[in-house]
PDB file of N, CA and C in Angstrom:
ATOM      1  N   MET A   1     131.867  79.417 119.691  1.00  0.00           N
ATOM      2  CA  MET A   1     130.221  78.892 119.301  1.00  0.00           C
ATOM      3  C   MET A   1     129.672  80.262 119.381  1.00  0.00           C
ATOM      4  N   ASN A   2     129.085  80.607 118.392  1.00  0.00           N
ATOM      5  CA  ASN A   2     128.437  81.836 118.297  1.00  0.00           C
ATOM      6  C   ASN A   2     126.869  81.588 118.483  1.00  0.00           C
ATOM      7  N   PRO A   3     126.323  82.455 118.933  1.00  0.00           N
ATOM      8  CA  PRO A   3     124.968  82.415 119.768  1.00  0.00           C
ATOM      9  C   PRO A   3     123.684  82.428 118.553  1.00  0.00           C
ATOM     10  N   PRO A   4     123.118  82.203 118.588  1.00  0.00           N
ATOM     11  CA  PRO A   4     121.790  81.755 117.872  1.00  0.00           C
ATOM     12  C   PRO A   4     121.276  83.271 117.679  1.00  0.00           C
ATOM     13  N   PRO A   5     120.789  83.640 116.497  1.00  0.00           N
ATOM     14  CA  PRO A   5     120.327  85.328 115.647  1.00  0.00           C
ATOM     15  C   PRO A   5     119.469  85.432 116.484  1.00  0.00           C
ATOM     16  N   LEU A   6     119.502  86.833 116.770  1.00  0.00           N
ATOM     17  CA  LEU A   6     117.586  87.396 117.207  1.00  0.00           C
ATOM     18  C   LEU A   6     116.871  87.391 116.423  1.00  0.00           C
ATOM     19  N   PRO A   7     115.700  86.885 116.921  1.00  0.00           N
ATOM     20  CA  PRO A   7     114.425  86.617 115.960  1.00  0.00           C
ATOM     21  C   PRO A   7     114.387  88.094 115.089  1.00  0.00           C
ATOM     22  N   VAL A   8     114.025  87.848 113.978  1.00  0.00           N
ATOM     23  CA  VAL A   8     113.547  89.430 113.045  1.00  0.00           C
ATOM     24  C   VAL A   8     111.730  89.608 113.222  1.00  0.00           C
ATOM     25  N   ARG A   9     111.881  91.000 113.958  1.00  0.00           N
ATOM     26  CA  ARG A   9     110.129  91.086 114.191  1.00  0.00           C
ATOM     27  C   ARG A   9     109.776  91.319 113.199  1.00  0.00           C
ATOM     28  N   ARG A  10     108.856  90.886 112.322  1.00  0.00           N
ATOM     29  CA  ARG A  10     107.741  91.409 111.311  1.00  0.00           C
ATOM     30  C   ARG A  10     106.954  92.452 111.926  1.00  0.00           C
ATOM     31  N   ARG A  11     106.775  93.179 110.879  1.00  0.00           N
ATOM     32  CA  ARG A  11     105.732  94.608 110.971  1.00  0.00           C
ATOM     33  C   ARG A  11     104.788  94.288 110.405  1.00  0.00           C
ATOM     34  N   PHE A  12     103.561  94.681 111.130  1.00  0.00           N
ATOM     35  CA  PHE A  12     102.104  94.614 110.829  1.00  0.00           C
ATOM     36  C   PHE A  12     102.203  95.261 109.407  1.00  0.00           C
ATOM     37  N   PRO A  13     100.990  93.975 108.229  1.00  0.00           N
ATOM     38  CA  PRO A  13     101.081  94.653 106.646  1.00  0.00           C
ATOM     39  C   PRO A  13     100.290  95.708 107.005  1.00  0.00           C
ATOM     40  N   TRP A  14     100.062  96.884 107.146  1.00  0.00           N
ATOM     41  CA  TRP A  14      99.230  97.846 107.125  1.00  0.00           C
ATOM     42  C   TRP A  14      99.178  98.186 105.939  1.00  0.00           C
ATOM     43  N   ILE A  15     100.126  97.993 104.856  1.00  0.00           N
ATOM     44  CA  ILE A  15      99.886  98.541 103.369  1.00  0.00           C
ATOM     45  C   ILE A  15      98.564  98.395 102.798  1.00  0.00           C
ATOM     46  N   LEU A  16      98.815  96.204 103.255  1.00  0.00           N
ATOM     47  CA  LEU A  16      97.904  95.811 102.578  1.00  0.00           C
ATOM     48  C   LEU A  16      96.126  96.223 102.597  1.00  0.00           C
ATOM     49  N   TYR A  17      96.226  96.487 104.031  1.00  0.00           N
ATOM     50  CA  TYR A  17      95.122  97.088 104.196  1.00  0.00           C
ATOM     51  C   TYR A  17      94.566  98.729 103.902  1.00  0.00           C
ATOM     52  N   TRP A  18      95.543  99.394 103.908  1.00  0.00           N
ATOM     53  CA  TRP A  18      95.423 100.694 103.080  1.00  0.00           C
ATOM     54  C   TRP A  18      95.199 100.842 101.748  1.00  0.00           C
ATOM     55  N   ILE A  19      95.598  99.855 100.938  1.00  0.00           N
ATOM     56  CA  ILE A  19      95.459  99.628  99.585  1.00  0.00           C
ATOM     57  C   ILE A  19      93.713  99.132  99.265  1.00  0.00           C
ATOM     58  N   VAL A  20      93.241  97.953 100.024  1.00  0.00           N
ATOM     59  CA  VAL A  20      92.207  97.428  99.826  1.00  0.00           C
ATOM     60  C   VAL A  20      91.014  98.762 100.638  1.00  0.00           C
ATOM     61  N   LEU A  21      91.216  99.126 101.755  1.00  0.00           N
ATOM     62  CA  LEU A  21      90.431 100.152 101.885  1.00  0.00           C
ATOM     63  C   LEU A  21      90.351 101.157 100.355  1.00  0.00           C
ATOM     64  N   VAL A  22      91.064 101.796 100.250  1.00  0.00           N
ATOM     65  CA  VAL A  22      91.383 102.920  98.858  1.00  0.00           C
ATOM     66  C   VAL A  22      90.460 102.252  97.697  1.00  0.00           C
ATOM     67  N   LEU A  23      90.571 100.754  97.764  1.00  0.00           N
ATOM     68  CA  LEU A  23      89.810  99.872  96.647  1.00  0.00           C
ATOM     69  C   LEU A  23      88.335  99.947  96.939  1.00  0.00           C
ATOM     70  N   ILE A  24      87.999  99.753  98.209  1.00  0.00           N
ATOM     71  CA  ILE A  24      86.428  99.827  98.243  1.00  0.00           C
ATOM     72  C   ILE A  24      86.058 101.608  98.325  1.00  0.00           C
ATOM     73  N   VAL A  25      86.892 102.240  98.805  1.00  0.00           N
ATOM     74  CA  VAL A  25      86.108 103.509  99.044  1.00  0.00           C
ATOM     75  C   VAL A  25      86.468 103.969  96.992  1.00  0.00           C
ATOM     76  N   LEU A  26      86.863 103.513  96.789  1.00  0.00           N
ATOM     77  CA  LEU A  26      86.980 103.782  95.017  1.00  0.00           C
ATOM     78  C   LEU A  26      85.386 103.530  94.525  1.00  0.00           C
ATOM     79  N   VAL A  27      85.669 102.309  94.660  1.00  0.00           N
ATOM     80  CA  VAL A  27      84.013 101.489  94.150  1.00  0.00           C
ATOM     81  C   VAL A  27      83.267 101.688  94.353  1.00  0.00           C
ATOM     82  N   ALA A  28      83.030 102.062  95.853  1.00  0.00           N
ATOM     83  CA  ALA A  28      81.942 102.807  96.308  1.00  0.00           C
ATOM     84  C   ALA A  28      81.494 104.211  95.807  1.00  0.00           C
ATOM     85  N   LEU A  29      82.240 105.077  95.368  1.00  0.00           N
ATOM     86  CA  LEU A  29      81.928 106.274  94.943  1.00  0.00           C
ATOM     87  C   LEU A  29      82.373 106.411  93.441  1.00  0.00           C
ATOM     88  N   ALA A  30      82.920 105.461  92.712  1.00  0.00           N
ATOM     89  CA  ALA A  30      82.705 105.456  91.749  1.00  0.00           C
ATOM     90  C   ALA A  30      81.523 106.536  90.475  1.00  0.00           C
ATOM     91  N   PRO A  31      80.323 105.821  90.863  1.00  0.00           N
ATOM     92  CA  PRO A  31      79.034 106.451  90.261  1.00  0.00           C
ATOM     93  C   PRO A  31      78.998 107.933  90.616  1.00  0.00           C
ATOM     94  N   VAL A  32      79.040 108.418  92.092  1.00  0.00           N
ATOM     95  CA  VAL A  32      79.342 109.982  92.190  1.00  0.00           C
ATOM     96  C   VAL A  32      80.154 110.456  91.176  1.00  0.00           C
ATOM     97  N   GLY A  33      81.424 110.190  91.165  1.00  0.00           N
ATOM     98  CA  GLY A  33      82.393 110.200  90.435  1.00  0.00           C
ATOM     99  C   GLY A  33      82.260 111.015  88.691  1.00  0.00           C
ATOM    100  N   SER A  34      81.048 109.584  88.607  1.00  0.00           N
ATOM    101  CA  SER A  34      80.835 109.944  86.828  1.00  0.00           C
ATOM    102  C   SER A  34      79.357 110.785  86.952  1.00  0.00           C
ATOM    103  N   VAL A  35      78.535 111.368  87.894  1.00  0.00           N
ATOM    104  CA  VAL A  35      77.644 112.215  87.666  1.00  0.00           C
ATOM    105  C   VAL A  35      79.181 113.354  88.121  1.00  0.00           C
ATOM    106  N   VAL A  36      79.807 113.735  88.494  1.00  0.00           N
ATOM    107  CA  VAL A  36      80.482 115.334  88.984  1.00  0.00           C
ATOM    108  C   VAL A  36      81.032 114.976  87.484  1.00  0.00           C
ATOM    109  N   ALA A  37      81.816 113.991  86.864  1.00  0.00           N
ATOM    110  CA  ALA A  37      82.410 114.419  85.522  1.00  0.00           C
ATOM    111  C   ALA A  37      81.176 115.371  84.521  1.00  0.00           C
ATOM    112  N   CYS A  38      80.292 113.978  84.795  1.00  0.00           N
ATOM    113  CA  CYS A  38      79.150 114.536  83.736  1.00  0.00           C
ATOM    114  C   CYS A  38      78.636 115.712  84.053  1.00  0.00           C
ATOM    115  N   GLY A  39      78.555 116.592  84.935  1.00  0.00           N
ATOM    116  CA  GLY A  39      77.723 118.012  85.687  1.00  0.00           C
ATOM    117  C   GLY A  39      78.753 119.181  84.969  1.00  0.00           C
ATOM    118  N   LEU A  40      80.215 118.466  85.767  1.00  0.00           N
ATOM    119  CA  LEU A  40      81.323 119.629  84.963  1.00  0.00           C
ATOM    120  C   LEU A  40      81.198 119.499  83.576  1.00  0.00           C
ATOM    121  N   ILE A  41      81.108 118.607  82.950  1.00  0.00           N
ATOM    122  CA  ILE A  41      81.142 118.637  80.958  1.00  0.00           C
ATOM    123  C   ILE A  41      80.457 119.257  80.381  1.00  0.00           C
ATOM    124  N   ALA A  42      79.378 119.004  81.535  1.00  0.00           N
ATOM    125  CA  ALA A  42      77.952 120.077  80.805  1.00  0.00           C
ATOM    126  C   ALA A  42      78.206 121.144  81.124  1.00  0.00           C
ATOM    127  N   ASN A  43      78.207 121.004  82.041  1.00  0.00           N
ATOM    128  CA  ASN A  43      78.144 122.847  82.852  1.00  0.00           C
ATOM    129  C   ASN A  43      79.403 123.604  81.490  1.00  0.00           C
ATOM    130  N   ALA A  44      80.639 122.995  81.423  1.00  0.00           N
ATOM    131  CA  ALA A  44      81.375 123.600  80.795  1.00  0.00           C
ATOM    132  C   ALA A  44      81.283 124.102  79.253  1.00  0.00           C
ATOM    133  N   HIS A  45      80.394 123.127  78.743  1.00  0.00           N
ATOM    134  CA  HIS A  45      80.080 123.295  77.566  1.00  0.00           C
ATOM    135  C   HIS A  45      78.314 123.595  77.417  1.00  0.00           C
ATOM    136  N   GLY A  46      78.369 124.287  78.171  1.00  0.00           N
ATOM    137  CA  GLY A  46      76.449 124.724  77.680  1.00  0.00           C
ATOM    138  C   GLY A  46      75.326 123.887  78.030  1.00  0.00           C
ATOM    139  N   CYS A  47      75.312 122.808  77.910  1.00  0.00           N
ATOM    140  CA  CYS A  47      75.049 121.441  77.466  1.00  0.00           C
ATOM    141  C   CYS A  47      73.912 121.107  78.859  1.00  0.00           C
ATOM    142  N   ARG A  48      73.141 120.439  77.878  1.00  0.00           N
ATOM    143  CA  ARG A  48      71.273 120.061  79.011  1.00  0.00           C
ATOM    144  C   ARG A  48      71.606 118.233  79.381  1.00  0.00           C
ATOM    145  N   VAL A  49      71.876 117.909  80.549  1.00  0.00           N
ATOM    146  CA  VAL A  49      71.751 116.701  80.902  1.00  0.00           C
ATOM    147  C   VAL A  49      70.777 116.462  81.825  1.00  0.00           C
ATOM    148  N   ASP A  50      69.707 115.325  81.164  1.00  0.00           N
ATOM    149  CA  ASP A  50      68.883 114.544  82.312  1.00  0.00           C
ATOM    150  C   ASP A  50      68.992 113.443  82.262  1.00  0.00           C
ATOM    151  N   GLU A  51      68.042 112.760  83.139  1.00  0.00           N
ATOM    152  CA  GLU A  51      67.886 110.982  82.886  1.00  0.00           C
ATOM    153  C   GLU A  51      66.581 110.723  82.066  1.00  0.00           C
ATOM    154  N   GLY A  52      65.673 111.617  81.599  1.00  0.00           N
ATOM    155  CA  GLY A  52      65.106 111.165  80.749  1.00  0.00           C
ATOM    156  C   GLY A  52      65.252 110.884  79.557  1.00  0.00           C
ATOM    157  N   SER A  53      65.680 111.712  79.247  1.00  0.00           N
ATOM    158  CA  SER A  53      66.577 111.366  77.422  1.00  0.00           C
ATOM    159  C   SER A  53      67.993 112.181  77.463  1.00  0.00           C
ATOM    160  N   VAL A  54      68.450 111.658  75.828  1.00  0.00           N
ATOM    161  CA  VAL A  54      69.734 111.472  75.510  1.00  0.00           C
ATOM    162  C   VAL A  54      69.674 113.598  74.617  1.00  0.00           C
ATOM    163  N   HIS A  55      70.383 114.530  75.323  1.00  0.00           N
ATOM    164  CA  HIS A  55      70.354 115.423  74.228  1.00  0.00           C
ATOM    165  C   HIS A  55      71.595 115.963  73.608  1.00  0.00           C
ATOM    166  N   PRO A  56      71.580 116.441  72.378  1.00  0.00           N
ATOM    167  CA  PRO A  56      72.584 116.894  71.586  1.00  0.00           C
ATOM    168  C   PRO A  56      73.858 117.564  72.878  1.00  0.00           C
ATOM    169  N   CYS A  57      74.914 117.492  72.593  1.00  0.00           N
ATOM    170  CA  CYS A  57      76.009 117.903  73.159  1.00  0.00           C
ATOM    171  C   CYS A  57      77.331 118.283  72.320  1.00  0.00           C
ATOM    172  N   MET A  58      77.130 119.047  71.430  1.00  0.00           N
ATOM    173  CA  MET A  58      78.382 119.594  70.495  1.00  0.00           C
ATOM    174  C   MET A  58      79.784 119.850  71.459  1.00  0.00           C
ATOM    175  N   ILE A  59      80.447 119.279  71.500  1.00  0.00           N
ATOM    176  CA  ILE A  59      82.098 119.780  71.815  1.00  0.00           C
ATOM    177  C   ILE A  59      82.662 119.552  70.747  1.00  0.00           C
ATOM    178  N   ASN A  60      83.565 120.082  69.997  1.00  0.00           N
ATOM    179  CA  ASN A  60      84.604 120.200  69.230  1.00  0.00           C
ATOM    180  C   ASN A  60      84.030 119.945  67.866  1.00  0.00           C
ATOM    181  N   GLY A  61      82.810 119.964  67.643  1.00  0.00           N
ATOM    182  CA  GLY A  61      82.467 119.451  66.525  1.00  0.00           C
ATOM    183  C   GLY A  61      81.872 118.148  66.429  1.00  0.00           C
ATOM    184  N   LYS A  62      81.710 117.180  67.879  1.00  0.00           N
ATOM    185  CA  LYS A  62      81.090 115.943  67.645  1.00  0.00           C
ATOM    186  C   LYS A  62      80.584 115.988  69.141  1.00  0.00           C
ATOM    187  N   ASP A  63      79.306 115.161  69.014  1.00  0.00           N
ATOM    188  CA  ASP A  63      77.931 115.104  69.979  1.00  0.00           C
ATOM    189  C   ASP A  63      78.330 114.169  70.904  1.00  0.00           C
ATOM    190  N   TYR A  64      78.588 114.860  71.689  1.00  0.00           N
ATOM    191  CA  TYR A  64      79.009 113.937  73.126  1.00  0.00           C
ATOM    192  C   TYR A  64      77.083 113.608  74.517  1.00  0.00           C
ATOM    193  N   GLY A  65      76.389 113.502  73.599  1.00  0.00           N
ATOM    194  CA  GLY A  65      75.348 113.524  74.323  1.00  0.00           C
ATOM    195  C   GLY A  65      74.939 112.705  74.958  1.00  0.00           C
ATOM    196  N   GLN A  66      75.039 111.441  74.152  1.00  0.00           N
ATOM    197  CA  GLN A  66      74.821 109.761  74.354  1.00  0.00           C
ATOM    198  C   GLN A  66      75.957 109.702  75.922  1.00  0.00           C
ATOM    199  N   LEU A  67      77.397 109.608  75.753  1.00  0.00           N
ATOM    200  CA  LEU A  67      77.804 110.296  76.837  1.00  0.00           C
ATOM    201  C   LEU A  67      77.689 110.411  77.710  1.00  0.00           C
ATOM    202  N   LEU A  68      77.409 111.772  77.987  1.00  0.00           N
ATOM    203  CA  LEU A  68      76.992 112.731  79.246  1.00  0.00           C
ATOM    204  C   LEU A  68      75.600 111.850  79.599  1.00  0.00           C
ATOM    205  N   TYR A  69      74.960 111.435  78.751  1.00  0.00           N
ATOM    206  CA  TYR A  69      73.550 110.574  79.447  1.00  0.00           C
ATOM    207  C   TYR A  69      74.170 109.492  80.259  1.00  0.00           C
ATOM    208  N   THR A  70      75.113 108.524  79.653  1.00  0.00           N
ATOM    209  CA  THR A  70      75.378 107.114  79.899  1.00  0.00           C
ATOM    210  C   THR A  70      75.831 107.330  81.824  1.00  0.00           C
ATOM    211  N   LEU A  71      77.221 108.609  81.595  1.00  0.00           N
ATOM    212  CA  LEU A  71      77.771 109.566  82.924  1.00  0.00           C
ATOM    213  C   LEU A  71      76.491 109.412  83.949  1.00  0.00           C
ATOM    214  N   GLY A  72      76.070 110.723  83.420  1.00  0.00           N
ATOM    215  CA  GLY A  72      74.827 111.177  84.355  1.00  0.00           C
ATOM    216  C   GLY A  72      73.717 109.730  84.937  1.00  0.00           C
ATOM    217  N   VAL A  73      73.333 108.983  84.132  1.00  0.00           N
ATOM    218  CA  VAL A  73      71.987 107.861  84.587  1.00  0.00           C
ATOM    219  C   VAL A  73      73.303 106.891  85.371  1.00  0.00           C
ATOM    220  N   MET A  74      74.344 106.694  85.089  1.00  0.00           N
ATOM    221  CA  MET A  74      75.243 105.854  86.183  1.00  0.00           C
ATOM    222  C   MET A  74      75.424 106.012  87.746  1.00  0.00           C
ATOM    223  N   GLY A  75      74.770 107.267  87.897  1.00  0.00           N
ATOM    224  CA  GLY A  75      74.825 107.363  89.205  1.00  0.00           C
ATOM    225  C   GLY A  75      73.938 107.303  90.305  1.00  0.00           C
ATOM    226  N   TRP A  76      73.128 106.342  89.380  1.00  0.00           N
ATOM    227  CA  TRP A  76      71.444 105.445  89.678  1.00  0.00           C
ATOM    228  C   TRP A  76      72.462 103.848  90.345  1.00  0.00           C
ATOM    229  N   LEU A  77      73.573 104.041  90.002  1.00  0.00           N
ATOM    230  CA  LEU A  77      74.366 102.452  90.513  1.00  0.00           C
ATOM    231  C   LEU A  77      75.235 103.003  91.899  1.00  0.00           C
ATOM    232  N   MET A  78      74.609 104.243  92.524  1.00  0.00           N
ATOM    233  CA  MET A  78      75.005 104.287  94.090  1.00  0.00           C
ATOM    234  C   MET A  78      74.130 103.874  94.991  1.00  0.00           C
ATOM    235  N   LEU A  79      73.195 103.869  94.424  1.00  0.00           N
ATOM    236  CA  LEU A  79      71.997 102.717  94.906  1.00  0.00           C
ATOM    237  C   LEU A  79      72.367 101.953  95.639  1.00  0.00           C
ATOM    238  N   VAL A  80      73.643 101.212  94.799  1.00  0.00           N
ATOM    239  CA  VAL A  80      74.203  99.702  95.355  1.00  0.00           C
ATOM    240  C   VAL A  80      75.427  99.669  96.042  1.00  0.00           C
ATOM    241  N   THR A  81      75.927 100.640  95.416  1.00  0.00           N
ATOM    242  CA  THR A  81      77.953 100.611  95.933  1.00  0.00           C
ATOM    243  C   THR A  81      78.035 101.413  96.938  1.00  0.00           C
ATOM    244  N   LEU A  82      77.200 101.992  96.994  1.00  0.00           N
ATOM    245  CA  LEU A  82      77.243 102.918  98.501  1.00  0.00           C
ATOM    246  C   LEU A  82      77.222 101.843  99.863  1.00  0.00           C
ATOM    247  N   PRO A  83      76.283 101.417  99.586  1.00  0.00           N
ATOM    248  CA  PRO A  83      75.529 100.544 101.113  1.00  0.00           C
ATOM    249  C   PRO A  83      76.504  98.987 100.769  1.00  0.00           C
ATOM    250  N   ALA A  84      77.053  98.552  99.501  1.00  0.00           N
ATOM    251  CA  ALA A  84      77.760  97.699  99.818  1.00  0.00           C
ATOM    252  C   ALA A  84      79.307  97.868  99.845  1.00  0.00           C
ATOM    253  N   GLY A  85      79.579  99.541  99.530  1.00  0.00           N
ATOM    254  CA  GLY A  85      80.800  99.878 100.469  1.00  0.00           C
ATOM    255  C   GLY A  85      80.459 100.138 101.838  1.00  0.00           C
ATOM    256  N   ALA A  86      79.440 100.228 101.972  1.00  0.00           N
ATOM    257  CA  ALA A  86      79.398 100.716 104.000  1.00  0.00           C
ATOM    258  C   ALA A  86      79.760  98.995 104.468  1.00  0.00           C
ATOM    259  N   LEU A  87      79.205  98.245 103.869  1.00  0.00           N
ATOM    260  CA  LEU A  87      79.136  96.935 103.888  1.00  0.00           C
ATOM    261  C   LEU A  87      80.810  96.352 104.133  1.00  0.00           C
ATOM    262  N   ALA A  88      81.162  96.640 102.768  1.00  0.00           N
ATOM    263  CA  ALA A  88      82.973  96.299 102.679  1.00  0.00           C
ATOM    264  C   ALA A  88      83.645  96.877 103.551  1.00  0.00           C
ATOM    265  N   PHE A  89      83.337  98.152 104.207  1.00  0.00           N
ATOM    266  CA  PHE A  89      84.229  98.807 105.058  1.00  0.00           C
ATOM    267  C   PHE A  89      83.959  98.049 106.314  1.00  0.00           C
ATOM    268  N   VAL A  90      82.937  97.790 106.906  1.00  0.00           N
ATOM    269  CA  VAL A  90      82.421  97.239 108.592  1.00  0.00           C
ATOM    270  C   VAL A  90      83.243  96.142 108.077  1.00  0.00           C
ATOM    271  N   LEU A  91      83.169  94.999 106.818  1.00  0.00           N
ATOM    272  CA  LEU A  91      84.338  93.711 106.803  1.00  0.00           C
ATOM    273  C   LEU A  91      85.776  93.970 107.112  1.00  0.00           C
ATOM    274  N   TRP A  92      85.767  95.039 106.510  1.00  0.00           N
ATOM    275  CA  TRP A  92      87.603  95.573 106.255  1.00  0.00           C
ATOM    276  C   TRP A  92      87.945  95.498 108.133  1.00  0.00           C
ATOM    277  N   LEU A  93      87.111  96.585 108.458  1.00  0.00           N
ATOM    278  CA  LEU A  93      87.363  96.532 109.968  1.00  0.00           C
ATOM    279  C   LEU A  93      87.506  95.924 110.930  1.00  0.00           C
ATOM    280  N   ILE A  94      86.514  94.629 111.004  1.00  0.00           N
ATOM    281  CA  ILE A  94      86.740  93.506 111.655  1.00  0.00           C
ATOM    282  C   ILE A  94      87.460  92.731 111.535  1.00  0.00           C
ATOM    283  N   VAL A  95      87.900  92.814 109.862  1.00  0.00           N
ATOM    284  CA  VAL A  95      88.960  92.021 109.658  1.00  0.00           C
ATOM    285  C   VAL A  95      90.565  92.657 109.934  1.00  0.00           C
ATOM    286  N   LEU A  96      90.689  93.833 110.200  1.00  0.00           N
ATOM    287  CA  LEU A  96      91.717  94.443 110.805  1.00  0.00           C
ATOM    288  C   LEU A  96      92.184  94.528 111.793  1.00  0.00           C
ATOM    289  N   ILE A  97      90.613  94.217 112.704  1.00  0.00           N
ATOM    290  CA  ILE A  97      90.720  94.037 114.331  1.00  0.00           C
ATOM    291  C   ILE A  97      91.012  93.036 114.515  1.00  0.00           C
ATOM    292  N   ILE A  98      90.660  91.635 114.177  1.00  0.00           N
ATOM    293  CA  ILE A  98      91.095  91.082 114.310  1.00  0.00           C
ATOM    294  C   ILE A  98      92.329  90.220 114.242  1.00  0.00           C
ATOM    295  N   HIS A  99      92.687  90.452 113.041  1.00  0.00           N
ATOM    296  CA  HIS A  99      93.953  90.441 112.617  1.00  0.00           C
ATOM    297  C   HIS A  99      95.102  91.402 113.577  1.00  0.00           C
ATOM    298  N   ARG A 100      95.006  92.412 113.760  1.00  0.00           N
ATOM    299  CA  ARG A 100      95.926  93.260 114.702  1.00  0.00           C
ATOM    300  C   ARG A 100      96.081  92.894 115.998  1.00  0.00           C
ATOM    301  N   THR A 101      94.296  92.410 116.661  1.00  0.00           N
ATOM    302  CA  THR A 101      95.028  91.810 117.863  1.00  0.00           C
ATOM    303  C   THR A 101      95.411  90.309 117.723  1.00  0.00           C
ATOM    304  N   ASN A 102      95.301  89.590 117.088  1.00  0.00           N
ATOM    305  CA  ASN A 102      96.313  88.426 117.231  1.00  0.00           C
ATOM    306  C   ASN A 102      97.685  88.702 116.960  1.00  0.00           C
ATOM    307  N   TRP A 103      97.924  89.749 116.141  1.00  0.00           N
ATOM    308  CA  TRP A 103      99.286  89.619 115.658  1.00  0.00           C
ATOM    309  C   TRP A 103      99.944  90.673 117.039  1.00  0.00           C
ATOM    310  N   ARG A 104      99.076  90.936 117.833  1.00  0.00           N
ATOM    311  CA  ARG A 104      99.988  91.678 118.881  1.00  0.00           C
ATOM    312  C   ARG A 104     100.358  90.371 120.583  1.00  0.00           C
ATOM    313  N   ARG A 105      98.829  89.694 119.907  1.00  0.00           N
ATOM    314  CA  ARG A 105      99.483  88.418 121.110  1.00  0.00           C
ATOM    315  C   ARG A 105     100.689  87.320 120.394  1.00  0.00           C
ATOM    316  N   ARG A 106     100.640  86.829 119.223  1.00  0.00           N
ATOM    317  CA  ARG A 106     101.983  86.814 119.048  1.00  0.00           C
ATOM    318  C   ARG A 106     102.981  87.530 118.848  1.00  0.00           C
ATOM    319  N   ALA A 107     102.923  88.595 119.303  1.00  0.00           N
ATOM    320  CA  ALA A 107     104.361  89.517 119.689  1.00  0.00           C
ATOM    321  C   ALA A 107     104.293  89.604 120.944  1.00  0.00           C
ATOM    322  N   ALA A 108     103.665  89.194 121.601  1.00  0.00           N
ATOM    323  CA  ALA A 108     103.823  89.221 122.627  1.00  0.00           C
ATOM    324  C   ALA A 108     104.553  88.188 123.798  1.00  0.00           C
ATOM    325  N   SER A 109     103.872  87.007 122.936  1.00  0.00           N
ATOM    326  CA  SER A 109     104.519  85.827 123.297  1.00  0.00           C
ATOM    327  C   SER A 109     105.802  85.261 122.979  1.00  0.00           C
TER     328      SER A 109
END
């Protein structure tokens, strides 16, 4: 008669938590990236960008002023995404700690 197979110990799903954390950071910092991209493009082509109005910005014969204006103004979304990202991070951390604690208790028993 064969002995029963040994139980397979499953690993904690760290990858899921890392993916969610990366998504939280990307969403929270997206407006920052928008402003940085706007500044880099405008500076590289000698264009003026501000929140007051659209200024023409000719790049390879095409006007990108409206796009740069939109990218720059999207920076104001930081007022929402940064606090929301901080809140999402705190919730993520609480869920991680509770899940990891329960995981260790089940593994110990």
